[in-house]
Amino acid sequence: VICQRGLFAATVKGRATMNTTKIITFLSQTDSRDKLYKTLQSFVRSVSWLLVDQGGLKHPLLTPLSAVDSSIGDARRVFRLGGFFREYSALSKIVDFSSFNSSFKFFSTLCTLIGELMDIAIYASKLKLITINSSKWDKYRNLTWLVNIFFFLYEQILLYIQANLAHQSISKKKSQLYYTKHNSGTDGGYELMQANNELSNIKQKFNSIHLSLIRYISDLILCINLLRNYTNKGVSGSVGVISGAIGTYQAFKKLS
């Protein structure tokens, strides 16, 4: 009993240490923090919209919530400042344009790079270092984001088609193995196990693709809403929470 308790305690302690390490690693990554802050910012916007809907513009909590929203937005922009150099480094490494995938990656990275550069200019304007029309530059920044969302959606659709073809091929192979095993009496156990493992992996890919599609469609709705002259905080908050939560989950899962 003592040995079992000791083993259980060691297992719990090991898992706790592993989870703590994952959380620290997660928070140390710029993209991961940005997704988490995006979820919080969108939640604050949703609460603000609900308060306005219930009590009008004079609700006492609207001012502090607006300040929190603005602070989180500034924090996200500051955290993304280093993204320009990361994207520039990634862009400079793309030298082969012979395939469609490499060209696709180049234009997607270039679009992100331009957006990151605009983010730097907008933040510099806020610090009074340069003078620009921030609202126009914000709209241009969102336009680059919109183009990138279409890139990401197209990429996920391609991955879905590839996974679907692979699923059909392996399912057909599995049926043939069952047929051969039934008629010839051969074992075929290893091949069937391998086919089942491959189908299980494809199922996980499907789940990941479905989540990514929901995330990017939410981002698309959010981006279109931000590009309008009047931004509906209820819409932007709701879809922002969905997108941010999925992005946070996916970023944390990558650390497993």
C-alpha atoms as a PDB file:
ATOM      1  CA  VAL A   1       0.000   0.000   0.000  1.00  0.00           C
ATOM      2  CA  ILE A   2       2.829   2.369   0.923  1.00  0.00           C
ATOM      3  CA  CYS A   3       4.573   1.591  -2.372  1.00  0.00           C
ATOM      4  CA  GLN A   4       1.337   2.244  -4.289  1.00  0.00           C
ATOM      5  CA  ARG A   5       0.834   5.570  -2.495  1.00  0.00           C
ATOM      6  CA  GLY A   6       4.422   6.548  -3.224  1.00  0.00           C
ATOM      7  CA  LEU A   7       4.041   5.634  -6.879  1.00  0.00           C
ATOM      8  CA  PHE A   8       0.758   7.578  -7.116  1.00  0.00           C
ATOM      9  CA  ALA A   9       2.330  10.643  -5.460  1.00  0.00           C
ATOM     10  CA  ALA A  10       5.325  10.484  -7.803  1.00  0.00           C
ATOM     11  CA  THR A  11       3.009  10.194 -10.834  1.00  0.00           C
ATOM     12  CA  VAL A  12       0.898  13.189  -9.730  1.00  0.00           C
ATOM     13  CA  LYS A  13       4.010  15.237  -8.988  1.00  0.00           C
ATOM     14  CA  GLY A  14       5.514  14.328 -12.383  1.00  0.00           C
ATOM     15  CA  ARG A  15       2.350  15.342 -14.216  1.00  0.00           C
ATOM     16  CA  ALA A  16       2.109  18.592 -12.264  1.00  0.00           C
ATOM     17  CA  THR A  17       5.736  19.422 -13.117  1.00  0.00           C
ATOM     18  CA  MET A  18       5.133  18.579 -16.792  1.00  0.00           C
ATOM     19  CA  ASN A  19       1.980  20.748 -16.938  1.00  0.00           C
ATOM     20  CA  THR A  20       3.787  23.633 -15.217  1.00  0.00           C
ATOM     21  CA  THR A  21       6.612  23.374 -17.760  1.00  0.00           C
ATOM     22  CA  LYS A  22       4.094  23.383 -20.627  1.00  0.00           C
ATOM     23  CA  ILE A  23       2.348  26.476 -19.225  1.00  0.00           C
ATOM     24  CA  ILE A  24       5.663  28.327 -18.835  1.00  0.00           C
ATOM     25  CA  THR A  25       6.698  27.342 -22.377  1.00  0.00           C
ATOM     26  CA  PHE A  26       3.275  28.386 -23.684  1.00  0.00           C
ATOM     27  CA  LEU A  27       3.455  31.821 -22.032  1.00  0.00           C
ATOM     28  CA  SER A  28       7.012  32.365 -23.276  1.00  0.00           C
ATOM     29  CA  GLN A  29       5.891  32.156 -26.914  1.00  0.00           C
ATOM     30  CA  THR A  30       4.664  35.364 -28.569  1.00  0.00           C
ATOM     31  CA  ASP A  31       2.019  33.708 -30.771  1.00  0.00           C
ATOM     32  CA  SER A  32       0.627  31.694 -27.850  1.00  0.00           C
ATOM     33  CA  ARG A  33       0.313  34.771 -25.623  1.00  0.00           C
ATOM     34  CA  ASP A  34      -1.321  36.712 -28.445  1.00  0.00           C
ATOM     35  CA  LYS A  35      -4.023  34.042 -28.859  1.00  0.00           C
ATOM     36  CA  LEU A  36      -4.673  33.987 -25.106  1.00  0.00           C
ATOM     37  CA  TYR A  37      -4.896  37.784 -24.946  1.00  0.00           C
ATOM     38  CA  LYS A  38      -7.144  37.787 -28.004  1.00  0.00           C
ATOM     39  CA  THR A  39      -9.569  35.504 -26.141  1.00  0.00           C
ATOM     40  CA  LEU A  40      -9.537  37.796 -23.080  1.00  0.00           C
ATOM     41  CA  GLN A  41      -9.947  40.958 -25.181  1.00  0.00           C
ATOM     42  CA  SER A  42     -12.856  39.462 -27.127  1.00  0.00           C
ATOM     43  CA  PHE A  43     -14.499  38.341 -23.878  1.00  0.00           C
ATOM     44  CA  VAL A  44     -14.227  41.904 -22.516  1.00  0.00           C
ATOM     45  CA  ARG A  45     -15.830  43.223 -25.713  1.00  0.00           C
ATOM     46  CA  SER A  46     -18.673  40.716 -25.400  1.00  0.00           C
ATOM     47  CA  VAL A  47     -19.321  41.770 -21.784  1.00  0.00           C
ATOM     48  CA  SER A  48     -19.272  45.454 -22.819  1.00  0.00           C
ATOM     49  CA  TRP A  49     -21.803  44.754 -25.559  1.00  0.00           C
ATOM     50  CA  LEU A  50     -24.095  42.918 -23.107  1.00  0.00           C
ATOM     51  CA  LEU A  51     -23.895  45.812 -20.636  1.00  0.00           C
ATOM     52  CA  VAL A  52     -24.771  48.337 -23.344  1.00  0.00           C
ATOM     53  CA  ASP A  53     -27.611  46.127 -24.517  1.00  0.00           C
ATOM     54  CA  GLN A  54     -29.041  45.892 -20.994  1.00  0.00           C
ATOM     55  CA  GLY A  55     -28.260  49.243 -19.389  1.00  0.00           C
ATOM     56  CA  GLY A  56     -27.291  51.629 -22.184  1.00  0.00           C
ATOM     57  CA  LEU A  57     -24.109  53.680 -22.596  1.00  0.00           C
ATOM     58  CA  LYS A  58     -24.188  55.016 -19.008  1.00  0.00           C
ATOM     59  CA  HIS A  59     -23.361  51.726 -17.293  1.00  0.00           C
ATOM     60  CA  PRO A  60     -20.550  52.361 -14.730  1.00  0.00           C
ATOM     61  CA  LEU A  61     -18.510  49.322 -15.833  1.00  0.00           C
ATOM     62  CA  LEU A  62     -18.217  50.417 -19.482  1.00  0.00           C
ATOM     63  CA  THR A  63     -15.358  52.875 -18.876  1.00  0.00           C
ATOM     64  CA  PRO A  64     -13.064  50.430 -17.008  1.00  0.00           C
ATOM     65  CA  LEU A  65     -13.902  47.647 -19.494  1.00  0.00           C
ATOM     66  CA  SER A  66     -13.040  49.970 -22.382  1.00  0.00           C
ATOM     67  CA  ALA A  67      -9.704  50.749 -20.675  1.00  0.00           C
ATOM     68  CA  VAL A  68      -9.002  47.009 -20.244  1.00  0.00           C
ATOM     69  CA  ASP A  69      -9.876  46.403 -23.913  1.00  0.00           C
ATOM     70  CA  SER A  70      -7.499  49.170 -25.025  1.00  0.00           C
ATOM     71  CA  SER A  71      -4.696  47.965 -22.701  1.00  0.00           C
ATOM     72  CA  ILE A  72      -4.930  44.370 -23.949  1.00  0.00           C
ATOM     73  CA  GLY A  73      -4.923  45.657 -27.553  1.00  0.00           C
ATOM     74  CA  ASP A  74      -1.759  47.693 -26.884  1.00  0.00           C
ATOM     75  CA  ALA A  75      -0.122  44.694 -25.168  1.00  0.00           C
ATOM     76  CA  ARG A  76      -0.901  42.466 -28.159  1.00  0.00           C
ATOM     77  CA  ARG A  77       0.573  45.058 -30.517  1.00  0.00           C
ATOM     78  CA  VAL A  78       3.762  45.360 -28.432  1.00  0.00           C
ATOM     79  CA  PHE A  79       4.164  41.570 -28.247  1.00  0.00           C
ATOM     80  CA  ARG A  80       3.814  41.380 -32.036  1.00  0.00           C
ATOM     81  CA  LEU A  81       6.557  43.963 -32.704  1.00  0.00           C
ATOM     82  CA  GLY A  82       9.172  41.228 -33.008  1.00  0.00           C
ATOM     83  CA  GLY A  83       6.987  39.400 -35.510  1.00  0.00           C
ATOM     84  CA  PHE A  84       8.289  41.585 -38.341  1.00  0.00           C
ATOM     85  CA  PHE A  85      11.832  40.260 -37.947  1.00  0.00           C
ATOM     86  CA  ARG A  86      10.591  36.675 -37.576  1.00  0.00           C
ATOM     87  CA  GLU A  87       8.512  36.923 -40.759  1.00  0.00           C
ATOM     88  CA  TYR A  88      11.367  38.658 -42.611  1.00  0.00           C
ATOM     89  CA  SER A  89      13.706  35.834 -41.633  1.00  0.00           C
ATOM     90  CA  ALA A  90      11.143  33.243 -42.796  1.00  0.00           C
ATOM     91  CA  LEU A  91      10.643  35.125 -46.077  1.00  0.00           C
ATOM     92  CA  SER A  92      14.366  35.317 -46.811  1.00  0.00           C
ATOM     93  CA  LYS A  93      14.650  31.514 -46.474  1.00  0.00           C
ATOM     94  CA  ILE A  94      12.091  30.897 -49.252  1.00  0.00           C
ATOM     95  CA  VAL A  95      14.284  30.709 -52.351  1.00  0.00           C
ATOM     96  CA  ASP A  96      12.622  27.957 -54.378  1.00  0.00           C
ATOM     97  CA  PHE A  97       9.513  29.016 -56.342  1.00  0.00           C
ATOM     98  CA  SER A  98       9.296  25.970 -58.589  1.00  0.00           C
ATOM     99  CA  SER A  99       6.304  24.514 -56.727  1.00  0.00           C
ATOM    100  CA  PHE A 100       2.905  25.998 -55.975  1.00  0.00           C
ATOM    101  CA  ASN A 101       3.316  25.379 -52.230  1.00  0.00           C
ATOM    102  CA  SER A 102       6.522  27.421 -52.014  1.00  0.00           C
ATOM    103  CA  SER A 103       4.969  30.317 -53.962  1.00  0.00           C
ATOM    104  CA  PHE A 104       1.871  30.098 -51.765  1.00  0.00           C
ATOM    105  CA  LYS A 105       4.053  30.205 -48.624  1.00  0.00           C
ATOM    106  CA  PHE A 106       6.008  33.187 -49.991  1.00  0.00           C
ATOM    107  CA  PHE A 107       2.941  35.364 -50.666  1.00  0.00           C
ATOM    108  CA  SER A 108       1.316  34.377 -47.375  1.00  0.00           C
ATOM    109  CA  THR A 109       4.489  35.265 -45.424  1.00  0.00           C
ATOM    110  CA  LEU A 110       4.895  38.509 -47.410  1.00  0.00           C
ATOM    111  CA  CYS A 111       1.324  39.498 -46.556  1.00  0.00           C
ATOM    112  CA  THR A 112       1.977  38.809 -42.858  1.00  0.00           C
ATOM    113  CA  LEU A 113       5.232  40.794 -43.047  1.00  0.00           C
ATOM    114  CA  ILE A 114       3.443  43.851 -44.476  1.00  0.00           C
ATOM    115  CA  GLY A 115       0.820  43.590 -41.733  1.00  0.00           C
ATOM    116  CA  GLU A 116       3.498  43.408 -39.023  1.00  0.00           C
ATOM    117  CA  LEU A 117       5.225  46.478 -40.511  1.00  0.00           C
ATOM    118  CA  MET A 118       1.939  48.385 -40.389  1.00  0.00           C
ATOM    119  CA  ASP A 119       1.516  47.329 -36.752  1.00  0.00           C
ATOM    120  CA  ILE A 120       4.906  48.885 -35.949  1.00  0.00           C
ATOM    121  CA  ALA A 121       3.919  52.127 -37.731  1.00  0.00           C
ATOM    122  CA  ILE A 122       0.561  52.304 -35.893  1.00  0.00           C
ATOM    123  CA  TYR A 123       2.216  51.783 -32.508  1.00  0.00           C
ATOM    124  CA  ALA A 124       4.944  54.339 -33.327  1.00  0.00           C
ATOM    125  CA  SER A 125       2.177  56.810 -34.191  1.00  0.00           C
ATOM    126  CA  LYS A 126       0.522  56.137 -30.836  1.00  0.00           C
ATOM    127  CA  LEU A 127       3.839  56.979 -29.125  1.00  0.00           C
ATOM    128  CA  LYS A 128       3.983  60.234 -31.187  1.00  0.00           C
ATOM    129  CA  LEU A 129       7.181  59.061 -32.931  1.00  0.00           C
ATOM    130  CA  ILE A 130       5.652  59.469 -36.391  1.00  0.00           C
ATOM    131  CA  THR A 131       2.511  61.085 -37.777  1.00  0.00           C
ATOM    132  CA  ILE A 132       0.128  58.908 -39.796  1.00  0.00           C
ATOM    133  CA  ASN A 133      -3.614  58.449 -40.147  1.00  0.00           C
ATOM    134  CA  SER A 134      -3.935  55.562 -37.673  1.00  0.00           C
ATOM    135  CA  SER A 135      -7.525  54.699 -38.605  1.00  0.00           C
ATOM    136  CA  LYS A 136      -6.578  54.297 -42.293  1.00  0.00           C
ATOM    137  CA  TRP A 137      -3.476  52.276 -41.465  1.00  0.00           C
ATOM    138  CA  ASP A 138      -5.566  50.115 -39.143  1.00  0.00           C
ATOM    139  CA  LYS A 139      -7.908  49.406 -42.058  1.00  0.00           C
ATOM    140  CA  TYR A 140      -4.945  48.555 -44.328  1.00  0.00           C
ATOM    141  CA  ARG A 141      -3.617  46.274 -41.575  1.00  0.00           C
ATOM    142  CA  ASN A 142      -6.952  44.484 -41.419  1.00  0.00           C
ATOM    143  CA  LEU A 143      -6.958  44.150 -45.232  1.00  0.00           C
ATOM    144  CA  THR A 144      -3.628  42.294 -45.105  1.00  0.00           C
ATOM    145  CA  TRP A 145      -5.125  40.106 -42.381  1.00  0.00           C
ATOM    146  CA  LEU A 146      -8.163  39.443 -44.592  1.00  0.00           C
ATOM    147  CA  VAL A 147      -5.948  38.304 -47.480  1.00  0.00           C
ATOM    148  CA  ASN A 148      -4.015  36.055 -45.105  1.00  0.00           C
ATOM    149  CA  ILE A 149      -7.234  34.508 -43.793  1.00  0.00           C
ATOM    150  CA  PHE A 150      -8.123  33.481 -47.357  1.00  0.00           C
ATOM    151  CA  PHE A 151      -4.631  31.973 -47.702  1.00  0.00           C
ATOM    152  CA  PHE A 152      -5.137  29.988 -44.483  1.00  0.00           C
ATOM    153  CA  LEU A 153      -8.641  28.841 -45.474  1.00  0.00           C
ATOM    154  CA  TYR A 154      -7.360  27.681 -48.856  1.00  0.00           C
ATOM    155  CA  GLU A 155      -4.541  25.778 -47.141  1.00  0.00           C
ATOM    156  CA  GLN A 156      -6.980  24.021 -44.778  1.00  0.00           C
ATOM    157  CA  ILE A 157      -9.298  23.097 -47.660  1.00  0.00           C
ATOM    158  CA  LEU A 158      -6.333  21.521 -49.485  1.00  0.00           C
ATOM    159  CA  LEU A 159      -5.376  19.601 -46.333  1.00  0.00           C
ATOM    160  CA  TYR A 160      -8.973  18.418 -45.980  1.00  0.00           C
ATOM    161  CA  ILE A 161      -9.038  17.141 -49.578  1.00  0.00           C
ATOM    162  CA  GLN A 162      -5.699  15.335 -49.088  1.00  0.00           C
ATOM    163  CA  ALA A 163      -6.863  13.765 -45.799  1.00  0.00           C
ATOM    164  CA  ASN A 164     -10.151  12.687 -47.399  1.00  0.00           C
ATOM    165  CA  LEU A 165      -8.322  11.003 -50.310  1.00  0.00           C
ATOM    166  CA  ALA A 166      -5.974   9.245 -47.878  1.00  0.00           C
ATOM    167  CA  HIS A 167      -8.964   8.102 -45.782  1.00  0.00           C
ATOM    168  CA  GLN A 168     -10.685   6.636 -48.844  1.00  0.00           C
ATOM    169  CA  SER A 169      -7.496   4.872 -49.952  1.00  0.00           C
ATOM    170  CA  ILE A 170      -6.791   3.308 -46.533  1.00  0.00           C
ATOM    171  CA  SER A 171     -10.464   2.355 -46.018  1.00  0.00           C
ATOM    172  CA  LYS A 172     -10.394   0.559 -49.370  1.00  0.00           C
ATOM    173  CA  LYS A 173      -7.147  -1.173 -48.407  1.00  0.00           C
ATOM    174  CA  LYS A 174      -8.668  -2.221 -45.065  1.00  0.00           C
ATOM    175  CA  SER A 175     -11.736  -3.685 -46.799  1.00  0.00           C
ATOM    176  CA  GLN A 176      -9.465  -5.670 -49.129  1.00  0.00           C
ATOM    177  CA  LEU A 177      -7.491  -7.010 -46.158  1.00  0.00           C
ATOM    178  CA  TYR A 178     -10.708  -8.135 -44.460  1.00  0.00           C
ATOM    179  CA  TYR A 179     -11.867  -9.768 -47.688  1.00  0.00           C
ATOM    180  CA  THR A 180      -8.523 -11.570 -48.151  1.00  0.00           C
ATOM    181  CA  LYS A 181      -8.476 -12.698 -44.522  1.00  0.00           C
ATOM    182  CA  HIS A 182     -12.043 -14.028 -44.758  1.00  0.00           C
ATOM    183  CA  ASN A 183     -11.569 -15.904 -48.042  1.00  0.00           C
ATOM    184  CA  SER A 184      -7.982 -17.140 -47.880  1.00  0.00           C
ATOM    185  CA  GLY A 185      -7.706 -17.663 -44.145  1.00  0.00           C
ATOM    186  CA  THR A 186      -4.484 -15.596 -43.901  1.00  0.00           C
ATOM    187  CA  ASP A 187      -3.839 -13.662 -40.724  1.00  0.00           C
ATOM    188  CA  GLY A 188      -3.169 -10.133 -41.985  1.00  0.00           C
ATOM    189  CA  GLY A 189      -3.353  -8.918 -38.387  1.00  0.00           C
ATOM    190  CA  TYR A 190      -0.345  -6.604 -38.610  1.00  0.00           C
ATOM    191  CA  GLU A 191      -1.553  -4.953 -41.826  1.00  0.00           C
ATOM    192  CA  LEU A 192      -5.037  -4.446 -40.359  1.00  0.00           C
ATOM    193  CA  MET A 193      -3.564  -2.932 -37.190  1.00  0.00           C
ATOM    194  CA  GLN A 194      -1.409  -0.614 -39.315  1.00  0.00           C
ATOM    195  CA  ALA A 195      -4.455   0.428 -41.381  1.00  0.00           C
ATOM    196  CA  ASN A 196      -6.437   1.133 -38.198  1.00  0.00           C
ATOM    197  CA  ASN A 197      -3.586   3.264 -36.826  1.00  0.00           C
ATOM    198  CA  GLU A 198      -3.429   5.233 -40.071  1.00  0.00           C
ATOM    199  CA  LEU A 199      -7.206   5.803 -40.009  1.00  0.00           C
ATOM    200  CA  SER A 200      -6.943   6.946 -36.393  1.00  0.00           C
ATOM    201  CA  ASN A 201      -4.218   9.454 -37.346  1.00  0.00           C
ATOM    202  CA  ILE A 202      -6.322  10.730 -40.248  1.00  0.00           C
ATOM    203  CA  LYS A 203      -9.295  11.156 -37.887  1.00  0.00           C
ATOM    204  CA  GLN A 204      -7.105  13.345 -35.663  1.00  0.00           C
ATOM    205  CA  LYS A 205      -6.094  15.362 -38.736  1.00  0.00           C
ATOM    206  CA  PHE A 206      -9.766  15.834 -39.617  1.00  0.00           C
ATOM    207  CA  ASN A 207     -10.482  17.099 -36.097  1.00  0.00           C
ATOM    208  CA  SER A 208      -7.575  19.549 -36.329  1.00  0.00           C
ATOM    209  CA  ILE A 209      -8.693  20.762 -39.773  1.00  0.00           C
ATOM    210  CA  HIS A 210     -12.298  21.230 -38.606  1.00  0.00           C
ATOM    211  CA  LEU A 211     -11.122  23.314 -35.643  1.00  0.00           C
ATOM    212  CA  SER A 212      -8.858  25.392 -37.900  1.00  0.00           C
ATOM    213  CA  LEU A 213     -11.700  25.995 -40.368  1.00  0.00           C
ATOM    214  CA  ILE A 214     -13.993  27.172 -37.544  1.00  0.00           C
ATOM    215  CA  ARG A 215     -11.189  29.410 -36.266  1.00  0.00           C
ATOM    216  CA  TYR A 216     -10.436  31.014 -39.647  1.00  0.00           C
ATOM    217  CA  ILE A 217     -14.124  31.467 -40.515  1.00  0.00           C
ATOM    218  CA  SER A 218     -14.542  33.206 -37.127  1.00  0.00           C
ATOM    219  CA  ASP A 219     -11.516  35.375 -37.981  1.00  0.00           C
ATOM    220  CA  LEU A 220     -13.075  36.146 -41.371  1.00  0.00           C
ATOM    221  CA  ILE A 221     -16.303  37.359 -39.727  1.00  0.00           C
ATOM    222  CA  LEU A 222     -14.268  39.366 -37.196  1.00  0.00           C
ATOM    223  CA  CYS A 223     -12.073  40.947 -39.876  1.00  0.00           C
ATOM    224  CA  ILE A 224     -15.031  41.917 -42.101  1.00  0.00           C
ATOM    225  CA  ASN A 225     -16.733  43.400 -39.041  1.00  0.00           C
ATOM    226  CA  LEU A 226     -13.618  45.475 -38.240  1.00  0.00           C
ATOM    227  CA  LEU A 227     -13.406  46.733 -41.831  1.00  0.00           C
ATOM    228  CA  ARG A 228     -16.924  48.163 -41.647  1.00  0.00           C
ATOM    229  CA  ASN A 229     -17.457  51.784 -40.614  1.00  0.00           C
ATOM    230  CA  TYR A 230     -19.473  50.604 -37.602  1.00  0.00           C
ATOM    231  CA  THR A 231     -18.039  47.726 -35.571  1.00  0.00           C
ATOM    232  CA  ASN A 232     -20.553  45.537 -33.747  1.00  0.00           C
ATOM    233  CA  LYS A 233     -18.833  44.624 -30.477  1.00  0.00           C
ATOM    234  CA  GLY A 234     -21.265  41.778 -29.901  1.00  0.00           C
ATOM    235  CA  VAL A 235     -20.248  40.088 -33.162  1.00  0.00           C
ATOM    236  CA  SER A 236     -16.522  40.848 -32.875  1.00  0.00           C
ATOM    237  CA  GLY A 237     -16.494  39.725 -29.233  1.00  0.00           C
ATOM    238  CA  SER A 238     -18.332  36.448 -29.837  1.00  0.00           C
ATOM    239  CA  VAL A 239     -16.353  35.276 -32.876  1.00  0.00           C
ATOM    240  CA  GLY A 240     -13.140  36.595 -31.300  1.00  0.00           C
ATOM    241  CA  VAL A 241     -13.676  34.388 -28.240  1.00  0.00           C
ATOM    242  CA  ILE A 242     -14.272  31.349 -30.493  1.00  0.00           C
ATOM    243  CA  SER A 243     -11.190  32.045 -32.637  1.00  0.00           C
ATOM    244  CA  GLY A 244      -8.967  32.928 -29.682  1.00  0.00           C
ATOM    245  CA  ALA A 245     -10.029  29.896 -27.621  1.00  0.00           C
ATOM    246  CA  ILE A 246      -9.399  27.490 -30.514  1.00  0.00           C
ATOM    247  CA  GLY A 247      -6.050  29.137 -31.274  1.00  0.00           C
ATOM    248  CA  THR A 248      -5.039  28.937 -27.604  1.00  0.00           C
ATOM    249  CA  TYR A 249      -6.052  25.256 -27.443  1.00  0.00           C
ATOM    250  CA  GLN A 250      -4.134  24.420 -30.636  1.00  0.00           C
ATOM    251  CA  ALA A 251      -1.016  26.282 -29.489  1.00  0.00           C
ATOM    252  CA  PHE A 252      -1.079  24.503 -26.108  1.00  0.00           C
ATOM    253  CA  LYS A 253      -1.703  21.123 -27.740  1.00  0.00           C
ATOM    254  CA  LYS A 254       1.402  21.534 -29.911  1.00  0.00           C
ATOM    255  CA  LEU A 255       3.482  21.421 -26.728  1.00  0.00           C
ATOM    256  CA  SER A 256       2.218  17.879 -25.916  1.00  0.00           C
END
